[in-house]
Amino acid sequence: MATKRKHVLILGGNFAGLGAAQKIRDHAGTDIDITLIDRKAYLDYIPNIPLEMFEGRDPATTMHMNLIGPLARDGVAFRQAEVVGLDIDARKVLVRPNERPGAVEFAIPYDYLVIALGARLAYDEIEGFAEFGHSVSDAFLANRLIDYLRNDYRGGPIAVGSARFTQGSRGRPPWLKTALAACEGPPVEVSLALAHWLHANSKGSARNITIFTPAPMIAEDAGEKVVAQLLAAASGMGFGYLNNTQGIRRLTSKGIDFLDGRTLEAELKIVFPNWRPHSFLRGLPISDEVGFIVTDLHMRNPDHPEILACGDAAAVTVPKLGAIGHQQADIVGRQIAKDLGKISADKADAPFKPVVVCIGDMGGGKAFYIRADSWFGGETQVLRMGRIPYLQKIAYKEVFFRAGGRVPDWGLPVAEWVSESASK
């Protein structure tokens, strides 16, 4: 009698979810069924949205990659639906198809569940954002911002920074610190690129911009050495800097009121929100107190090892960074392959060792490159700025799209080596 094939159900189809599907197929082979569910049939290439916007391209046309074709080539079934619930005991996920309105809910069973849904960007928690706020976290917001800069910006002060991040503590490893912002590469990137755009369009300069953070130090995960270099460069260019704001109380027509009682005058408010888990994950036994999925360093939930998580949905993913999700997706693939007897434990059980890798646009064909693990107890802190990191940022996106999201194993190491060697 034939043995029933195991079924892996992956929730989420952006970097971590797509990467997990590909790595499971790579490591586990064809003797397993894989289904990926997402509310949309394309991947958002979020890291390059600001660059596209400031260089005059519409990210809605250049930063969306079709999911269905790349998944089909790897024998992964795609189902477009909204995930609305999870029954852990029955090993079923409740979904509502969303291609057309009015659908009923269905339960989909699984043997393994990979939660890679990312997080909710809680703009709705920022009072006044709809009326007075801007951001760049998707194509809609990016296009709204560039339209304002081109047509309505009057040359006044600009504030760029983050709301406070709500991070859970249950199941957190002792080496993982509490972060006051989810990810501060984007505020730094947008500030630098915007300063170049203002100058190129005769609308201002870095002196118009104040960068703010809820933390004692912006981009704290990059390490004190790197941040000191960034702040020295930013100060020399004329940027303002405001730290320890503790978070955003509200946006107004005149500026930003912070939780520490200070107010910052700003015509333009570019803000990055709190990151919240999806609501159906809160209160589950696999989640921490705010709803992120608790995992060990093999990306498995300790109490339900058939449930794995990678990317921003995982509690251990701090900062919320695409490069970290890429590392975790490979671990997920190896763990499932180990269970199926496809690879040995010594090849599968190397634990998660996070490293911050970030390439941010600076405008004018230049970018900054950061690689650091000091926030996690390591000693690496590397910062390079110039033309080479910019070319790496462009090239990585091109390789990603051409390969249907399949970044070769040498992709990140080569990008690191080139940026660190050629930019010295």
Protein backbone atom coordinates (compact mmCIF):
# COMPACT_ATOMS: atom_id res chain seq x y z
CA MET A 1 0.00 0.00 0.00
CA ALA A 2 1.41 3.38 -1.00
CA THR A 3 2.35 5.79 1.80
CA LYS A 4 0.39 9.02 1.76
CA ARG A 5 2.56 11.92 0.64
CA LYS A 6 3.21 14.61 3.23
CA HIS A 7 1.69 18.01 2.57
CA VAL A 8 3.51 21.27 3.39
CA LEU A 9 1.29 24.33 3.56
CA ILE A 10 3.08 27.69 3.34
CA LEU A 11 1.30 30.87 4.39
CA GLY A 12 2.71 33.91 2.61
CA GLY A 13 4.39 34.41 -0.75
CA ASN A 14 6.88 37.23 -0.33
CA PHE A 15 10.60 36.71 0.28
CA ALA A 16 10.38 34.26 3.18
CA GLY A 17 7.41 32.26 1.86
CA LEU A 18 8.70 31.95 -1.70
CA GLY A 19 12.18 31.17 -0.41
CA ALA A 20 10.83 28.48 1.92
CA ALA A 21 8.89 26.82 -0.92
CA GLN A 22 11.98 26.73 -3.10
CA LYS A 23 14.29 25.49 -0.35
CA ILE A 24 11.89 22.74 0.72
CA ARG A 25 11.75 21.54 -2.87
CA ASP A 26 15.53 21.78 -3.22
CA HIS A 27 16.31 19.85 -0.05
CA ALA A 28 13.32 17.48 0.19
CA GLY A 29 12.95 16.62 -3.49
CA THR A 30 9.72 15.71 -5.25
CA ASP A 31 8.27 13.24 -2.74
CA ILE A 32 6.30 15.91 -0.94
CA ASP A 33 3.35 18.14 -1.87
CA ILE A 34 3.74 21.89 -1.33
CA THR A 35 0.96 24.48 -1.41
CA LEU A 36 1.52 28.20 -0.97
CA ILE A 37 -1.31 30.58 -0.06
CA ASP A 38 -1.20 34.34 -0.45
CA ARG A 39 -3.80 37.07 -0.79
CA LYS A 40 -2.10 38.30 -3.97
CA ALA A 41 -0.56 36.55 -6.97
CA TYR A 42 2.62 38.60 -7.05
CA LEU A 43 5.65 39.25 -4.86
CA ASP A 44 6.34 42.82 -3.71
CA TYR A 45 10.03 43.59 -4.09
CA ILE A 46 9.88 46.07 -1.24
CA PRO A 47 13.60 46.88 -0.70
CA ASN A 48 13.90 48.77 -4.02
CA ILE A 49 10.64 50.72 -3.89
CA PRO A 50 12.25 53.99 -2.69
CA LEU A 51 14.98 53.76 -5.33
CA GLU A 52 12.44 53.23 -8.12
CA MET A 53 10.31 56.11 -6.90
CA PHE A 54 13.18 58.62 -6.63
CA GLU A 55 14.58 57.57 -10.02
CA GLY A 56 11.25 58.30 -11.71
CA ARG A 57 9.86 54.79 -12.20
CA ASP A 58 6.52 53.49 -10.98
CA PRO A 59 7.18 50.63 -8.51
CA ALA A 60 3.74 49.22 -9.29
CA THR A 61 5.09 48.29 -12.73
CA THR A 62 8.70 47.46 -11.84
CA MET A 63 8.62 45.92 -8.35
CA HIS A 64 5.87 43.30 -8.70
CA MET A 65 6.98 39.79 -9.68
CA ASN A 66 4.45 37.15 -10.73
CA LEU A 67 4.33 34.29 -8.23
CA ILE A 68 2.40 31.62 -10.09
CA GLY A 69 4.93 30.83 -12.81
CA PRO A 70 7.99 30.47 -10.57
CA LEU A 71 6.04 28.33 -8.10
CA ALA A 72 4.65 26.10 -10.86
CA ARG A 73 8.17 25.46 -12.19
CA ASP A 74 9.03 23.97 -8.81
CA GLY A 75 5.84 21.96 -8.60
CA VAL A 76 4.35 24.20 -5.89
CA ALA A 77 0.59 24.75 -6.00
CA PHE A 78 -0.59 28.35 -5.52
CA ARG A 79 -3.92 29.30 -3.99
CA GLN A 80 -4.99 32.92 -3.80
CA ALA A 81 -6.84 33.51 -0.56
CA GLU A 82 -6.88 35.42 2.71
CA VAL A 83 -5.79 33.39 5.74
CA VAL A 84 -8.36 33.93 8.50
CA GLY A 85 -7.72 31.21 11.10
CA LEU A 86 -5.63 28.29 12.30
CA ASP A 87 -6.79 25.12 14.06
CA ILE A 88 -3.60 23.68 15.51
CA ASP A 89 -5.17 20.54 16.99
CA ALA A 90 -6.89 19.59 13.73
CA ARG A 91 -3.87 20.71 11.65
CA LYS A 92 -6.01 22.86 9.38
CA VAL A 93 -5.83 26.44 8.12
CA LEU A 94 -9.00 28.44 7.49
CA VAL A 95 -8.91 30.55 4.33
CA ARG A 96 -11.26 32.77 2.35
CA PRO A 97 -10.64 32.99 -1.43
CA ASN A 98 -10.34 36.66 -2.41
CA GLU A 99 -10.16 36.74 -6.20
CA ARG A 100 -13.83 37.77 -6.16
CA PRO A 101 -15.93 39.08 -3.26
CA GLY A 102 -18.49 36.92 -1.49
CA ALA A 103 -16.46 33.74 -1.03
CA VAL A 104 -17.07 31.29 1.81
CA GLU A 105 -14.33 29.95 4.09
CA PHE A 106 -12.56 26.64 3.54
CA ALA A 107 -10.33 24.50 5.75
CA ILE A 108 -7.06 23.22 4.24
CA PRO A 109 -5.21 20.40 6.04
CA TYR A 110 -1.46 20.14 6.44
CA ASP A 111 1.25 17.85 7.76
CA TYR A 112 3.74 20.73 8.02
CA LEU A 113 2.81 24.38 8.29
CA VAL A 114 5.24 27.19 7.43
CA ILE A 115 4.07 30.60 8.61
CA ALA A 116 5.72 33.27 6.47
CA LEU A 117 2.96 35.87 6.39
CA GLY A 118 5.10 38.84 7.29
CA ALA A 119 3.40 41.38 9.51
CA ARG A 120 0.72 44.07 9.51
CA LEU A 121 2.15 47.54 9.05
CA ALA A 122 0.06 49.38 11.61
CA TYR A 123 -0.41 52.76 9.94
CA ASP A 124 -3.95 52.65 11.31
CA GLU A 125 -2.51 53.05 14.82
CA ILE A 126 -0.89 56.40 13.97
CA GLU A 127 -3.33 59.21 14.64
CA GLY A 128 -3.42 61.62 11.70
CA PHE A 129 -1.52 59.42 9.24
CA ALA A 130 -4.29 59.36 6.60
CA GLU A 131 -4.53 63.15 6.60
CA PHE A 132 -0.93 64.20 7.20
CA GLY A 133 1.40 61.20 6.79
CA HIS A 134 3.42 59.64 3.97
CA SER A 135 5.54 56.53 3.56
CA VAL A 136 7.15 54.23 0.97
CA SER A 137 6.38 50.68 2.12
CA ASP A 138 4.32 49.81 -0.97
CA ALA A 139 3.71 51.15 -4.46
CA PHE A 140 0.55 53.04 -3.49
CA LEU A 141 2.28 54.97 -0.72
CA ALA A 142 5.43 55.56 -2.79
CA ASN A 143 3.43 57.02 -5.68
CA ARG A 144 1.41 59.15 -3.27
CA LEU A 145 4.66 60.54 -1.81
CA ILE A 146 6.35 61.33 -5.11
CA ASP A 147 3.17 63.02 -6.36
CA TYR A 148 3.23 65.24 -3.27
CA LEU A 149 6.91 66.07 -3.70
CA ARG A 150 6.46 66.96 -7.37
CA ASN A 151 3.21 68.91 -7.11
CA ASP A 152 2.50 70.11 -3.56
CA TYR A 153 5.70 70.30 -1.54
CA ARG A 154 6.37 73.92 -0.53
CA GLY A 155 9.98 73.54 0.60
CA GLY A 156 9.31 73.25 4.32
CA PRO A 157 10.89 71.01 6.97
CA ILE A 158 10.69 67.22 6.52
CA ALA A 159 10.64 64.56 9.25
CA VAL A 160 11.62 60.93 8.53
CA GLY A 161 11.53 58.18 11.12
CA SER A 162 9.85 55.29 12.92
CA ALA A 163 6.99 54.64 15.28
CA ARG A 164 7.70 52.41 18.26
CA PHE A 165 7.85 48.65 17.66
CA THR A 166 5.91 46.31 19.95
CA GLN A 167 8.08 43.22 20.46
CA GLY A 168 7.05 40.17 22.46
CA SER A 169 9.16 38.50 25.14
CA ARG A 170 7.73 34.98 25.53
CA GLY A 171 10.16 32.40 24.18
CA ARG A 172 12.76 35.04 23.28
CA PRO A 173 16.35 33.74 23.34
CA PRO A 174 18.55 35.57 25.88
CA TRP A 175 20.82 37.05 23.19
CA LEU A 176 17.96 38.77 21.32
CA LYS A 177 17.62 42.34 22.52
CA THR A 178 14.48 44.46 22.68
CA ALA A 179 14.25 46.70 19.62
CA LEU A 180 12.36 50.00 19.78
CA ALA A 181 12.01 50.13 15.99
CA ALA A 182 11.26 47.17 13.71
CA CYS A 183 13.77 48.10 10.99
CA GLU A 184 15.51 51.43 10.50
CA GLY A 185 17.38 50.85 7.28
CA PRO A 186 14.42 52.35 5.34
CA PRO A 187 14.32 55.70 7.23
CA VAL A 188 18.07 56.12 6.71
CA GLU A 189 17.79 55.16 3.04
CA VAL A 190 14.82 57.42 2.34
CA SER A 191 16.46 60.37 4.09
CA LEU A 192 19.68 60.10 2.05
CA ALA A 193 17.93 59.51 -1.28
CA LEU A 194 15.39 62.25 -0.62
CA ALA A 195 18.15 64.76 0.12
CA HIS A 196 19.69 64.02 -3.28
CA TRP A 197 16.27 64.27 -4.97
CA LEU A 198 15.54 67.64 -3.34
CA HIS A 199 18.88 69.03 -4.49
CA ALA A 200 18.54 67.63 -8.03
CA ASN A 201 15.07 69.15 -8.34
CA SER A 202 15.99 72.52 -6.77
CA LYS A 203 13.58 71.96 -3.89
CA GLY A 204 15.97 71.85 -0.94
CA SER A 205 18.70 69.72 0.56
CA ALA A 206 19.59 67.57 3.54
CA ARG A 207 19.10 70.65 5.72
CA ASN A 208 15.35 70.32 5.19
CA ILE A 209 15.33 66.84 6.77
CA THR A 210 15.33 65.67 10.39
CA ILE A 211 15.72 61.95 11.02
CA PHE A 212 14.07 60.68 14.21
CA THR A 213 14.01 57.41 16.13
CA PRO A 214 12.22 56.08 19.21
CA ALA A 215 15.48 54.44 20.31
CA PRO A 216 18.60 55.89 21.94
CA MET A 217 20.38 55.29 18.61
CA ILE A 218 18.96 54.96 15.10
CA ALA A 219 19.59 51.67 13.30
CA GLU A 220 20.91 50.18 16.54
CA ASP A 221 21.10 46.70 15.01
CA ALA A 222 23.85 47.95 12.67
CA GLY A 223 26.18 48.47 15.64
CA GLU A 224 27.59 51.54 17.36
CA LYS A 225 30.61 51.81 15.06
CA VAL A 226 28.49 51.79 11.89
CA VAL A 227 25.91 54.19 13.31
CA ALA A 228 28.61 56.60 14.44
CA GLN A 229 29.96 56.68 10.87
CA LEU A 230 26.47 57.19 9.43
CA LEU A 231 25.63 59.97 11.85
CA ALA A 232 28.93 61.73 11.20
CA ALA A 233 28.26 61.65 7.46
CA ALA A 234 24.66 62.79 7.92
CA SER A 235 25.68 65.65 10.22
CA GLY A 236 28.23 66.83 7.70
CA MET A 237 25.54 66.89 5.01
CA GLY A 238 23.23 69.00 7.19
CA PHE A 239 20.63 66.49 8.41
CA GLY A 240 18.93 67.04 11.74
CA TYR A 241 18.71 64.15 14.21
CA LEU A 242 16.29 63.44 17.04
CA ASN A 243 16.55 60.30 19.18
CA ASN A 244 14.72 58.85 22.21
CA THR A 245 11.31 60.04 20.99
CA GLN A 246 9.77 56.84 22.48
CA GLY A 247 7.27 56.76 19.60
CA ILE A 248 4.71 58.83 17.72
CA ARG A 249 1.71 60.26 19.56
CA ARG A 250 0.08 61.85 16.52
CA LEU A 251 0.68 63.60 13.20
CA THR A 252 -0.76 67.05 12.66
CA SER A 253 -0.75 69.56 9.85
CA LYS A 254 2.17 71.30 11.59
CA GLY A 255 4.34 68.33 12.48
CA ILE A 256 4.74 65.31 14.78
CA ASP A 257 3.95 65.01 18.49
CA PHE A 258 6.11 62.36 20.16
CA LEU A 259 5.42 60.17 23.17
CA ASP A 260 8.27 61.79 25.11
CA GLY A 261 6.44 65.14 24.95
CA ARG A 262 8.53 66.79 22.24
CA THR A 263 7.13 68.18 18.98
CA LEU A 264 8.91 68.36 15.62
CA GLU A 265 7.76 70.88 13.03
CA ALA A 266 7.36 69.30 9.60
CA GLU A 267 5.49 70.08 6.42
CA LEU A 268 6.17 66.53 5.19
CA LYS A 269 6.00 63.57 7.60
CA ILE A 270 7.48 60.31 6.23
CA VAL A 271 6.93 57.64 8.87
CA PHE A 272 7.44 53.91 9.27
CA PRO A 273 4.86 52.24 11.52
CA ASN A 274 4.77 49.61 14.21
CA TRP A 275 4.84 46.03 12.89
CA ARG A 276 1.99 43.89 14.24
CA PRO A 277 1.36 40.17 13.75
CA HIS A 278 -1.75 39.20 11.83
CA SER A 279 -4.73 39.25 14.17
CA PHE A 280 -5.65 35.55 13.86
CA LEU A 281 -2.22 34.60 15.27
CA ARG A 282 -2.74 36.41 18.58
CA GLY A 283 -3.61 34.19 21.51
CA LEU A 284 -2.47 30.96 19.89
CA PRO A 285 -0.23 28.59 21.89
CA ILE A 286 2.47 28.91 19.21
CA SER A 287 2.62 32.71 19.50
CA ASP A 288 4.24 35.15 21.89
CA GLU A 289 2.11 37.63 23.79
CA VAL A 290 1.77 40.00 20.82
CA GLY A 291 1.26 37.31 18.15
CA PHE A 292 4.64 36.60 16.56
CA ILE A 293 5.43 32.88 16.17
CA VAL A 294 7.76 31.44 18.79
CA THR A 295 10.49 29.23 17.33
CA ASP A 296 13.75 27.65 18.34
CA LEU A 297 16.90 28.32 16.34
CA HIS A 298 15.81 25.68 13.81
CA MET A 299 12.72 27.82 13.10
CA ARG A 300 10.37 25.23 14.63
CA ASN A 301 7.83 25.89 17.35
CA PRO A 302 9.05 24.01 20.45
CA ASP A 303 5.61 22.64 21.33
CA HIS A 304 4.41 22.00 17.78
CA PRO A 305 7.48 21.03 15.71
CA GLU A 306 5.28 20.48 12.65
CA ILE A 307 4.81 24.28 12.62
CA LEU A 308 7.73 26.38 11.40
CA ALA A 309 8.05 30.10 10.81
CA CYS A 310 10.41 32.33 8.86
CA GLY A 311 10.64 35.97 7.95
CA ASP A 312 8.85 38.78 9.74
CA ALA A 313 6.14 36.53 11.25
CA ALA A 314 8.76 34.80 13.43
CA ALA A 315 9.38 36.27 16.87
CA VAL A 316 13.13 35.73 16.55
CA THR A 317 13.27 37.90 13.40
CA VAL A 318 14.43 41.21 14.82
CA PRO A 319 15.13 43.45 13.01
CA LYS A 320 12.41 42.71 10.46
CA LEU A 321 14.81 42.35 7.55
CA GLY A 322 14.59 40.46 4.24
CA ALA A 323 18.14 39.09 4.47
CA ILE A 324 17.28 37.42 7.78
CA GLY A 325 14.17 35.82 6.25
CA HIS A 326 16.38 34.47 3.46
CA GLN A 327 18.63 32.78 6.03
CA GLN A 328 15.65 31.29 7.83
CA ALA A 329 13.97 29.93 4.70
CA ASP A 330 16.95 27.67 4.04
CA ILE A 331 16.80 26.35 7.61
CA VAL A 332 13.10 25.55 7.16
CA GLY A 333 13.82 23.62 3.97
CA ARG A 334 16.57 21.60 5.63
CA GLN A 335 14.47 20.78 8.69
CA ILE A 336 11.59 19.33 6.66
CA ALA A 337 14.01 17.44 4.43
CA LYS A 338 15.64 15.94 7.54
CA ASP A 339 12.27 14.66 8.76
CA LEU A 340 11.74 12.96 5.40
CA GLY A 341 15.16 11.33 5.53
CA LYS A 342 16.46 13.33 2.59
CA ILE A 343 19.41 14.93 4.36
CA SER A 344 21.31 14.10 7.52
CA ALA A 345 20.94 15.89 10.85
CA ASP A 346 24.48 17.28 10.67
CA LYS A 347 23.54 19.06 7.41
CA ALA A 348 20.12 20.18 8.66
CA ASP A 349 20.70 21.27 12.23
CA ALA A 350 23.06 24.22 11.89
CA PRO A 351 21.23 26.81 14.05
CA PHE A 352 20.06 30.23 12.98
CA LYS A 353 22.84 32.81 13.36
CA PRO A 354 21.41 36.18 12.36
CA VAL A 355 23.44 38.72 10.44
CA VAL A 356 22.19 42.15 9.41
CA VAL A 357 22.81 42.71 5.69
CA CYS A 358 21.38 45.91 4.23
CA ILE A 359 21.98 47.88 1.03
CA GLY A 360 20.25 51.25 0.93
CA ASP A 361 19.99 53.82 -1.86
CA MET A 362 21.64 57.20 -1.30
CA GLY A 363 20.59 58.82 -4.58
CA GLY A 364 22.86 59.83 -7.44
CA GLY A 365 23.87 56.27 -8.26
CA LYS A 366 25.34 55.59 -4.82
CA ALA A 367 24.30 53.37 -1.93
CA PHE A 368 25.41 52.25 1.52
CA TYR A 369 26.16 48.64 2.42
CA ILE A 370 25.97 47.33 6.00
CA ARG A 371 26.88 43.91 7.32
CA ALA A 372 26.85 43.48 11.09
CA ASP A 373 26.20 40.91 13.80
CA SER A 374 27.29 42.95 16.83
CA TRP A 375 23.67 43.42 17.94
CA PHE A 376 23.48 39.64 18.28
CA GLY A 377 26.71 39.34 20.24
CA GLY A 378 29.18 39.17 17.33
CA GLU A 379 32.05 41.45 16.40
CA THR A 380 31.33 42.29 12.74
CA GLN A 381 30.45 45.89 11.83
CA VAL A 382 31.04 46.85 8.19
CA LEU A 383 29.88 50.01 6.41
CA ARG A 384 30.70 50.88 2.80
CA MET A 385 29.30 53.75 0.74
CA GLY A 386 29.63 54.44 -2.96
CA ARG A 387 28.88 53.24 -6.48
CA ILE A 388 29.58 49.52 -5.95
CA PRO A 389 26.82 48.96 -3.35
CA TYR A 390 24.37 50.74 -5.66
CA LEU A 391 25.26 48.44 -8.55
CA GLN A 392 24.90 45.45 -6.22
CA LYS A 393 21.42 46.61 -5.18
CA ILE A 394 20.33 46.90 -8.80
CA ALA A 395 22.00 43.62 -9.85
CA TYR A 396 20.54 41.60 -6.99
CA LYS A 397 17.01 42.66 -7.95
CA GLU A 398 17.64 41.80 -11.61
CA VAL A 399 18.98 38.33 -10.73
CA PHE A 400 16.04 37.77 -8.39
CA PHE A 401 13.44 38.62 -11.04
CA ARG A 402 15.16 36.74 -13.86
CA ALA A 403 15.47 33.62 -11.70
CA GLY A 404 11.89 33.79 -10.43
CA GLY A 405 13.05 34.51 -6.90
CA ARG A 406 15.66 31.76 -6.96
CA VAL A 407 18.73 33.50 -5.64
CA PRO A 408 21.70 31.15 -5.96
CA ASP A 409 23.49 30.15 -2.76
CA TRP A 410 26.48 32.22 -3.84
CA GLY A 411 24.37 35.36 -4.36
CA LEU A 412 24.57 36.92 -0.91
CA PRO A 413 28.20 35.93 -0.18
CA VAL A 414 29.34 37.36 -3.53
CA ALA A 415 27.38 40.58 -2.91
CA GLU A 416 29.02 40.84 0.51
CA TRP A 417 32.52 40.18 -0.85
CA VAL A 418 32.21 42.65 -3.72
CA SER A 419 30.76 45.41 -1.53
CA GLU A 420 33.31 44.94 1.22
CA SER A 421 36.32 44.56 -1.09
CA ALA A 422 35.64 46.97 -3.95
CA SER A 423 34.37 49.81 -1.75
CA LYS A 424 37.49 50.01 0.44
